[in-house]
């Protein structure tokens, strides 16, 4: 099942200018593609926490950033962003 929020955001990103008519076109496209279906919205915070835990576990196990990147298919920028987050 597709995460509808990701699909909508991708549609906005794919278009440089978001006017009311463009937003209407996006809405029409989304309704045509997903109308009548049950929507799924991923819990991003859960995904972030899961990745952060994976990274922390790997670091505690002595893995370096390159190894974590390769073993867990997590981009280097995401690894650094998550380990440098304040307040977590």
PDB file of N, CA and C in Angstrom:
ATOM      1  N   UNK A   1       0.842  -1.173   0.000  1.00  0.00           N
ATOM      2  CA  UNK A   1       0.000   0.000   0.000  1.00  0.00           C
ATOM      3  C   UNK A   1       0.892   1.243   0.000  1.00  0.00           C
ATOM      4  N   UNK A   2       0.575   2.193  -0.801  1.00  0.00           N
ATOM      5  CA  UNK A   2       1.375   3.406  -0.940  1.00  0.00           C
ATOM      6  C   UNK A   2       1.081   4.403   0.177  1.00  0.00           C
ATOM      7  N   UNK A   3       2.108   5.054   0.677  1.00  0.00           N
ATOM      8  CA  UNK A   3       1.955   6.127   1.658  1.00  0.00           C
ATOM      9  C   UNK A   3       1.467   7.359   0.903  1.00  0.00           C
ATOM     10  N   UNK A   4       0.227   7.737   1.102  1.00  0.00           N
ATOM     11  CA  UNK A   4      -0.402   8.819   0.361  1.00  0.00           C
ATOM     12  C   UNK A   4       0.291  10.160   0.599  1.00  0.00           C
ATOM     13  N   UNK A   5       0.770  10.387   1.807  1.00  0.00           N
ATOM     14  CA  UNK A   5       1.453  11.648   2.102  1.00  0.00           C
ATOM     15  C   UNK A   5       2.720  11.775   1.259  1.00  0.00           C
ATOM     16  N   UNK A   6       3.491  10.705   1.161  1.00  0.00           N
ATOM     17  CA  UNK A   6       4.696  10.744   0.321  1.00  0.00           C
ATOM     18  C   UNK A   6       4.342  11.033  -1.127  1.00  0.00           C
ATOM     19  N   UNK A   7       3.273  10.424  -1.598  1.00  0.00           N
ATOM     20  CA  UNK A   7       2.840  10.636  -2.986  1.00  0.00           C
ATOM     21  C   UNK A   7       2.455  12.090  -3.226  1.00  0.00           C
ATOM     22  N   UNK A   8       1.728  12.666  -2.282  1.00  0.00           N
ATOM     23  CA  UNK A   8       1.313  14.065  -2.421  1.00  0.00           C
ATOM     24  C   UNK A   8       2.532  14.989  -2.393  1.00  0.00           C
ATOM     25  N   UNK A   9       3.427  14.757  -1.455  1.00  0.00           N
ATOM     26  CA  UNK A   9       4.620  15.600  -1.356  1.00  0.00           C
ATOM     27  C   UNK A   9       5.460  15.491  -2.622  1.00  0.00           C
ATOM     28  N   UNK A  10       5.603  14.284  -3.166  1.00  0.00           N
ATOM     29  CA  UNK A  10       6.350  14.105  -4.402  1.00  0.00           C
ATOM     30  C   UNK A  10       5.715  14.911  -5.526  1.00  0.00           C
ATOM     31  N   UNK A  11       4.403  14.894  -5.585  1.00  0.00           N
ATOM     32  CA  UNK A  11       3.716  15.670  -6.619  1.00  0.00           C
ATOM     33  C   UNK A  11       4.044  17.164  -6.478  1.00  0.00           C
ATOM     34  N   UNK A  12       4.068  17.675  -5.243  1.00  0.00           N
ATOM     35  CA  UNK A  12       4.397  19.080  -5.037  1.00  0.00           C
ATOM     36  C   UNK A  12       5.859  19.376  -5.390  1.00  0.00           C
ATOM     37  N   UNK A  13       6.756  18.471  -5.039  1.00  0.00           N
ATOM     38  CA  UNK A  13       8.171  18.655  -5.331  1.00  0.00           C
ATOM     39  C   UNK A  13       8.424  18.616  -6.839  1.00  0.00           C
ATOM     40  N   UNK A  14       7.707  17.755  -7.536  1.00  0.00           N
ATOM     41  CA  UNK A  14       7.891  17.618  -8.980  1.00  0.00           C
ATOM     42  C   UNK A  14       7.488  18.879  -9.749  1.00  0.00           C
ATOM     43  N   UNK A  15       6.749  19.740  -9.118  1.00  0.00           N
ATOM     44  CA  UNK A  15       6.299  20.969  -9.783  1.00  0.00           C
ATOM     45  C   UNK A  15       6.897  22.161  -9.045  1.00  0.00           C
ATOM     46  N   UNK A  16       7.587  23.004  -9.766  1.00  0.00           N
ATOM     47  CA  UNK A  16       8.275  24.140  -9.146  1.00  0.00           C
ATOM     48  C   UNK A  16       7.304  25.199  -8.637  1.00  0.00           C
ATOM     49  N   UNK A  17       6.181  25.336  -9.266  1.00  0.00           N
ATOM     50  CA  UNK A  17       5.229  26.395  -8.915  1.00  0.00           C
ATOM     51  C   UNK A  17       3.915  25.762  -8.477  1.00  0.00           C
ATOM     52  N   UNK A  18       3.490  26.072  -7.270  1.00  0.00           N
ATOM     53  CA  UNK A  18       2.253  25.504  -6.761  1.00  0.00           C
ATOM     54  C   UNK A  18       1.221  26.616  -6.633  1.00  0.00           C
ATOM     55  N   UNK A  19       0.377  26.720  -7.644  1.00  0.00           N
ATOM     56  CA  UNK A  19      -0.725  27.682  -7.656  1.00  0.00           C
ATOM     57  C   UNK A  19      -2.011  26.921  -7.352  1.00  0.00           C
ATOM     58  N   UNK A  20      -3.100  27.631  -7.122  1.00  0.00           N
ATOM     59  CA  UNK A  20      -4.363  26.923  -6.891  1.00  0.00           C
ATOM     60  C   UNK A  20      -4.730  25.968  -8.035  1.00  0.00           C
ATOM     61  N   UNK A  21      -4.454  26.371  -9.268  1.00  0.00           N
ATOM     62  CA  UNK A  21      -4.787  25.467 -10.378  1.00  0.00           C
ATOM     63  C   UNK A  21      -3.876  24.233 -10.385  1.00  0.00           C
ATOM     64  N   UNK A  22      -2.613  24.423 -10.046  1.00  0.00           N
ATOM     65  CA  UNK A  22      -1.694  23.290  -9.966  1.00  0.00           C
ATOM     66  C   UNK A  22      -2.117  22.368  -8.821  1.00  0.00           C
ATOM     67  N   UNK A  23      -2.451  22.959  -7.684  1.00  0.00           N
ATOM     68  CA  UNK A  23      -2.911  22.156  -6.552  1.00  0.00           C
ATOM     69  C   UNK A  23      -4.164  21.366  -6.945  1.00  0.00           C
ATOM     70  N   UNK A  24      -5.039  21.976  -7.705  1.00  0.00           N
ATOM     71  CA  UNK A  24      -6.238  21.293  -8.184  1.00  0.00           C
ATOM     72  C   UNK A  24      -5.893  20.128  -9.088  1.00  0.00           C
ATOM     73  N   UNK A  25      -4.913  20.320  -9.963  1.00  0.00           N
ATOM     74  CA  UNK A  25      -4.463  19.240 -10.839  1.00  0.00           C
ATOM     75  C   UNK A  25      -3.891  18.078 -10.020  1.00  0.00           C
ATOM     76  N   UNK A  26      -3.111  18.425  -9.004  1.00  0.00           N
ATOM     77  CA  UNK A  26      -2.528  17.399  -8.141  1.00  0.00           C
ATOM     78  C   UNK A  26      -3.635  16.638  -7.425  1.00  0.00           C
ATOM     79  N   UNK A  27      -4.594  17.383  -6.883  1.00  0.00           N
ATOM     80  CA  UNK A  27      -5.696  16.727  -6.188  1.00  0.00           C
ATOM     81  C   UNK A  27      -6.447  15.786  -7.130  1.00  0.00           C
ATOM     82  N   UNK A  28      -6.707  16.247  -8.355  1.00  0.00           N
ATOM     83  CA  UNK A  28      -7.423  15.426  -9.343  1.00  0.00           C
ATOM     84  C   UNK A  28      -6.644  14.142  -9.637  1.00  0.00           C
ATOM     85  N   UNK A  29      -5.330  14.275  -9.835  1.00  0.00           N
ATOM     86  CA  UNK A  29      -4.479  13.115 -10.117  1.00  0.00           C
ATOM     87  C   UNK A  29      -4.509  12.119  -8.967  1.00  0.00           C
ATOM     88  N   UNK A  30      -4.359  12.623  -7.744  1.00  0.00           N
ATOM     89  CA  UNK A  30      -4.359  11.755  -6.566  1.00  0.00           C
ATOM     90  C   UNK A  30      -5.708  11.060  -6.432  1.00  0.00           C
ATOM     91  N   UNK A  31      -6.792  11.807  -6.629  1.00  0.00           N
ATOM     92  CA  UNK A  31      -8.126  11.204  -6.510  1.00  0.00           C
ATOM     93  C   UNK A  31      -8.357  10.141  -7.590  1.00  0.00           C
ATOM     94  N   UNK A  32      -7.842  10.385  -8.801  1.00  0.00           N
ATOM     95  CA  UNK A  32      -7.993   9.388  -9.868  1.00  0.00           C
ATOM     96  C   UNK A  32      -7.205   8.125  -9.542  1.00  0.00           C
ATOM     97  N   UNK A  33      -6.008   8.292  -9.010  1.00  0.00           N
ATOM     98  CA  UNK A  33      -5.147   7.145  -8.738  1.00  0.00           C
ATOM     99  C   UNK A  33      -5.550   6.378  -7.480  1.00  0.00           C
ATOM    100  N   UNK A  34      -6.061   7.083  -6.465  1.00  0.00           N
ATOM    101  CA  UNK A  34      -6.312   6.445  -5.180  1.00  0.00           C
ATOM    102  C   UNK A  34      -7.763   6.519  -4.713  1.00  0.00           C
ATOM    103  N   UNK A  35      -8.631   7.102  -5.520  1.00  0.00           N
ATOM    104  CA  UNK A  35     -10.032   7.240  -5.130  1.00  0.00           C
ATOM    105  C   UNK A  35     -10.653   5.904  -4.767  1.00  0.00           C
ATOM    106  N   UNK A  36     -11.331   5.867  -3.640  1.00  0.00           N
ATOM    107  CA  UNK A  36     -11.989   4.647  -3.212  1.00  0.00           C
ATOM    108  C   UNK A  36     -11.101   3.679  -2.451  1.00  0.00           C
ATOM    109  N   UNK A  37      -9.810   3.951  -2.432  1.00  0.00           N
ATOM    110  CA  UNK A  37      -8.892   3.071  -1.705  1.00  0.00           C
ATOM    111  C   UNK A  37      -8.747   3.538  -0.265  1.00  0.00           C
ATOM    112  N   UNK A  38      -8.312   2.635   0.564  1.00  0.00           N
ATOM    113  CA  UNK A  38      -8.027   2.977   1.940  1.00  0.00           C
ATOM    114  C   UNK A  38      -6.638   3.621   1.982  1.00  0.00           C
ATOM    115  N   UNK A  39      -6.529   4.799   2.563  1.00  0.00           N
ATOM    116  CA  UNK A  39      -5.259   5.520   2.602  1.00  0.00           C
ATOM    117  C   UNK A  39      -4.370   4.995   3.727  1.00  0.00           C
ATOM    118  N   UNK A  40      -3.073   4.982   3.467  1.00  0.00           N
ATOM    119  CA  UNK A  40      -2.082   4.589   4.458  1.00  0.00           C
ATOM    120  C   UNK A  40      -1.142   5.759   4.678  1.00  0.00           C
ATOM    121  N   UNK A  41      -0.964   6.168   5.912  1.00  0.00           N
ATOM    122  CA  UNK A  41      -0.048   7.251   6.235  1.00  0.00           C
ATOM    123  C   UNK A  41       1.007   6.685   7.175  1.00  0.00           C
ATOM    124  N   UNK A  42       2.249   6.663   6.697  1.00  0.00           N
ATOM    125  CA  UNK A  42       3.343   6.106   7.497  1.00  0.00           C
ATOM    126  C   UNK A  42       3.640   6.996   8.692  1.00  0.00           C
ATOM    127  N   UNK A  43       4.030   6.383   9.781  1.00  0.00           N
ATOM    128  CA  UNK A  43       4.441   7.122  10.962  1.00  0.00           C
ATOM    129  C   UNK A  43       5.913   7.443  10.809  1.00  0.00           C
ATOM    130  N   UNK A  44       6.219   8.619  10.311  1.00  0.00           N
ATOM    131  CA  UNK A  44       7.602   8.994  10.052  1.00  0.00           C
ATOM    132  C   UNK A  44       8.441   8.973  11.314  1.00  0.00           C
ATOM    133  N   UNK A  45       7.877   9.429  12.434  1.00  0.00           N
ATOM    134  CA  UNK A  45       8.678   9.447  13.663  1.00  0.00           C
ATOM    135  C   UNK A  45       9.108   8.033  14.038  1.00  0.00           C
ATOM    136  N   UNK A  46       8.250   7.052  13.813  1.00  0.00           N
ATOM    137  CA  UNK A  46       8.615   5.667  14.112  1.00  0.00           C
ATOM    138  C   UNK A  46       9.734   5.196  13.190  1.00  0.00           C
ATOM    139  N   UNK A  47       9.667   5.595  11.918  1.00  0.00           N
ATOM    140  CA  UNK A  47      10.720   5.219  10.981  1.00  0.00           C
ATOM    141  C   UNK A  47      12.042   5.851  11.369  1.00  0.00           C
ATOM    142  N   UNK A  48      11.992   7.117  11.759  1.00  0.00           N
ATOM    143  CA  UNK A  48      13.210   7.824  12.156  1.00  0.00           C
ATOM    144  C   UNK A  48      13.804   7.176  13.397  1.00  0.00           C
ATOM    145  N   UNK A  49      12.963   6.885  14.386  1.00  0.00           N
ATOM    146  CA  UNK A  49      13.460   6.269  15.617  1.00  0.00           C
ATOM    147  C   UNK A  49      14.049   4.891  15.343  1.00  0.00           C
ATOM    148  N   UNK A  50      13.426   4.142  14.439  1.00  0.00           N
ATOM    149  CA  UNK A  50      13.934   2.828  14.087  1.00  0.00           C
ATOM    150  C   UNK A  50      15.321   2.938  13.449  1.00  0.00           C
ATOM    151  N   UNK A  51      15.472   3.869  12.515  1.00  0.00           N
ATOM    152  CA  UNK A  51      16.778   4.067  11.869  1.00  0.00           C
ATOM    153  C   UNK A  51      17.807   4.547  12.881  1.00  0.00           C
ATOM    154  N   UNK A  52      17.371   5.473  13.748  1.00  0.00           N
ATOM    155  CA  UNK A  52      18.305   5.997  14.740  1.00  0.00           C
ATOM    156  C   UNK A  52      18.779   4.880  15.669  1.00  0.00           C
ATOM    157  N   UNK A  53      17.871   4.006  16.071  1.00  0.00           N
ATOM    158  CA  UNK A  53      18.243   2.885  16.936  1.00  0.00           C
ATOM    159  C   UNK A  53      19.206   1.940  16.222  1.00  0.00           C
ATOM    160  N   UNK A  54      18.940   1.687  14.938  1.00  0.00           N
ATOM    161  CA  UNK A  54      19.822   0.835  14.134  1.00  0.00           C
ATOM    162  C   UNK A  54      21.222   1.426  14.078  1.00  0.00           C
ATOM    163  N   UNK A  55      21.297   2.726  13.849  1.00  0.00           N
ATOM    164  CA  UNK A  55      22.592   3.420  13.770  1.00  0.00           C
ATOM    165  C   UNK A  55      23.301   3.353  15.120  1.00  0.00           C
ATOM    166  N   UNK A  56      22.575   3.656  16.198  1.00  0.00           N
ATOM    167  CA  UNK A  56      23.188   3.619  17.530  1.00  0.00           C
ATOM    168  C   UNK A  56      23.700   2.227  17.876  1.00  0.00           C
ATOM    169  N   UNK A  57      22.912   1.213  17.554  1.00  0.00           N
ATOM    170  CA  UNK A  57      23.339  -0.167  17.828  1.00  0.00           C
ATOM    171  C   UNK A  57      24.610  -0.510  17.054  1.00  0.00           C
ATOM    172  N   UNK A  58      24.650  -0.100  15.789  1.00  0.00           N
ATOM    173  CA  UNK A  58      25.824  -0.386  14.954  1.00  0.00           C
ATOM    174  C   UNK A  58      27.054   0.356  15.466  1.00  0.00           C
ATOM    175  N   UNK A  59      26.883   1.619  15.886  1.00  0.00           N
ATOM    176  CA  UNK A  59      28.010   2.382  16.427  1.00  0.00           C
ATOM    177  C   UNK A  59      28.530   1.744  17.711  1.00  0.00           C
ATOM    178  N   UNK A  60      27.612   1.296  18.562  1.00  0.00           N
ATOM    179  CA  UNK A  60      28.008   0.640  19.810  1.00  0.00           C
ATOM    180  C   UNK A  60      28.714  -0.691  19.543  1.00  0.00           C
ATOM    181  N   UNK A  61      28.388  -1.304  18.418  1.00  0.00           N
ATOM    182  CA  UNK A  61      29.030  -2.572  18.047  1.00  0.00           C
ATOM    183  C   UNK A  61      30.381  -2.351  17.373  1.00  0.00           C
ATOM    184  N   UNK A  62      30.796  -1.085  17.248  1.00  0.00           N
ATOM    185  CA  UNK A  62      32.102  -0.786  16.684  1.00  0.00           C
ATOM    186  C   UNK A  62      32.114  -0.551  15.185  1.00  0.00           C
ATOM    187  N   UNK A  63      30.960  -0.457  14.576  1.00  0.00           N
ATOM    188  CA  UNK A  63      30.898  -0.198  13.130  1.00  0.00           C
ATOM    189  C   UNK A  63      31.199   1.271  12.851  1.00  0.00           C
ATOM    190  N   UNK A  64      31.819   1.547  11.701  1.00  0.00           N
ATOM    191  CA  UNK A  64      32.029   2.931  11.300  1.00  0.00           C
ATOM    192  C   UNK A  64      30.902   3.361  10.363  1.00  0.00           C
ATOM    193  N   UNK A  65      30.881   4.636  10.015  1.00  0.00           N
ATOM    194  CA  UNK A  65      29.797   5.200   9.204  1.00  0.00           C
ATOM    195  C   UNK A  65      29.680   4.486   7.858  1.00  0.00           C
ATOM    196  N   UNK A  66      30.797   4.227   7.217  1.00  0.00           N
ATOM    197  CA  UNK A  66      30.769   3.557   5.914  1.00  0.00           C
ATOM    198  C   UNK A  66      30.159   2.156   6.024  1.00  0.00           C
ATOM    199  N   UNK A  67      30.500   1.434   7.060  1.00  0.00           N
ATOM    200  CA  UNK A  67      29.935   0.097   7.257  1.00  0.00           C
ATOM    201  C   UNK A  67      28.429   0.159   7.501  1.00  0.00           C
ATOM    202  N   UNK A  68      28.009   1.115   8.316  1.00  0.00           N
ATOM    203  CA  UNK A  68      26.573   1.273   8.590  1.00  0.00           C
ATOM    204  C   UNK A  68      25.828   1.602   7.306  1.00  0.00           C
ATOM    205  N   UNK A  69      26.402   2.501   6.539  1.00  0.00           N
ATOM    206  CA  UNK A  69      25.814   2.911   5.260  1.00  0.00           C
ATOM    207  C   UNK A  69      25.622   1.690   4.348  1.00  0.00           C
ATOM    208  N   UNK A  70      26.610   0.863   4.256  1.00  0.00           N
ATOM    209  CA  UNK A  70      26.559  -0.301   3.371  1.00  0.00           C
ATOM    210  C   UNK A  70      25.685  -1.426   3.928  1.00  0.00           C
ATOM    211  N   UNK A  71      25.829  -1.719   5.207  1.00  0.00           N
ATOM    212  CA  UNK A  71      25.087  -2.832   5.808  1.00  0.00           C
ATOM    213  C   UNK A  71      23.586  -2.574   5.902  1.00  0.00           C
ATOM    214  N   UNK A  72      23.220  -1.348   6.186  1.00  0.00           N
ATOM    215  CA  UNK A  72      21.816  -1.039   6.455  1.00  0.00           C
ATOM    216  C   UNK A  72      21.156  -0.197   5.367  1.00  0.00           C
ATOM    217  N   UNK A  73      21.898   0.115   4.304  1.00  0.00           N
ATOM    218  CA  UNK A  73      21.366   0.905   3.192  1.00  0.00           C
ATOM    219  C   UNK A  73      20.753   2.221   3.677  1.00  0.00           C
ATOM    220  N   UNK A  74      21.494   2.894   4.539  1.00  0.00           N
ATOM    221  CA  UNK A  74      21.086   4.201   5.051  1.00  0.00           C
ATOM    222  C   UNK A  74      22.076   5.219   4.503  1.00  0.00           C
ATOM    223  N   UNK A  75      21.595   6.247   3.811  1.00  0.00           N
ATOM    224  CA  UNK A  75      22.517   7.245   3.254  1.00  0.00           C
ATOM    225  C   UNK A  75      23.364   7.916   4.338  1.00  0.00           C
ATOM    226  N   UNK A  76      24.593   8.213   3.978  1.00  0.00           N
ATOM    227  CA  UNK A  76      25.542   8.851   4.902  1.00  0.00           C
ATOM    228  C   UNK A  76      24.945  10.125   5.515  1.00  0.00           C
ATOM    229  N   UNK A  77      24.280  10.938   4.678  1.00  0.00           N
ATOM    230  CA  UNK A  77      23.701  12.189   5.184  1.00  0.00           C
ATOM    231  C   UNK A  77      22.640  11.919   6.250  1.00  0.00           C
ATOM    232  N   UNK A  78      21.871  10.855   6.080  1.00  0.00           N
ATOM    233  CA  UNK A  78      20.853  10.495   7.067  1.00  0.00           C
ATOM    234  C   UNK A  78      21.512  10.040   8.360  1.00  0.00           C
ATOM    235  N   UNK A  79      22.572   9.267   8.238  1.00  0.00           N
ATOM    236  CA  UNK A  79      23.289   8.803   9.429  1.00  0.00           C
ATOM    237  C   UNK A  79      23.779   9.995  10.243  1.00  0.00           C
ATOM    238  N   UNK A  80      24.458  10.929   9.571  1.00  0.00           N
ATOM    239  CA  UNK A  80      24.981  12.093  10.291  1.00  0.00           C
ATOM    240  C   UNK A  80      23.859  12.958  10.852  1.00  0.00           C
ATOM    241  N   UNK A  81      22.783  13.122  10.095  1.00  0.00           N
ATOM    242  CA  UNK A  81      21.654  13.944  10.564  1.00  0.00           C
ATOM    243  C   UNK A  81      21.064  13.348  11.838  1.00  0.00           C
ATOM    244  N   UNK A  82      20.896  12.032  11.854  1.00  0.00           N
ATOM    245  CA  UNK A  82      20.282  11.395  13.024  1.00  0.00           C
ATOM    246  C   UNK A  82      21.200  11.357  14.237  1.00  0.00           C
ATOM    247  N   UNK A  83      22.500  11.137  14.024  1.00  0.00           N
ATOM    248  CA  UNK A  83      23.387  11.089  15.201  1.00  0.00           C
ATOM    249  C   UNK A  83      23.673  12.486  15.749  1.00  0.00           C
ATOM    250  N   UNK A  84      23.420  13.508  14.948  1.00  0.00           N
ATOM    251  CA  UNK A  84      23.664  14.880  15.407  1.00  0.00           C
ATOM    252  C   UNK A  84      22.402  15.591  15.894  1.00  0.00           C
ATOM    253  N   UNK A  85      21.258  14.885  15.899  1.00  0.00           N
ATOM    254  CA  UNK A  85      20.011  15.498  16.372  1.00  0.00           C
ATOM    255  C   UNK A  85      20.108  15.859  17.841  1.00  0.00           C
ATOM    256  N   UNK A  86      19.638  17.046  18.167  1.00  0.00           N
ATOM    257  CA  UNK A  86      19.642  17.510  19.558  1.00  0.00           C
ATOM    258  C   UNK A  86      18.323  17.133  20.227  1.00  0.00           C
ATOM    259  N   UNK A  87      18.354  16.902  21.504  1.00  0.00           N
ATOM    260  CA  UNK A  87      17.151  16.679  22.286  1.00  0.00           C
ATOM    261  C   UNK A  87      16.559  15.291  22.198  1.00  0.00           C
ATOM    262  N   UNK A  88      17.288  14.340  21.649  1.00  0.00           N
ATOM    263  CA  UNK A  88      16.764  12.978  21.548  1.00  0.00           C
ATOM    264  C   UNK A  88      17.447  12.063  22.521  1.00  0.00           C
TER     265      UNK A  88
END
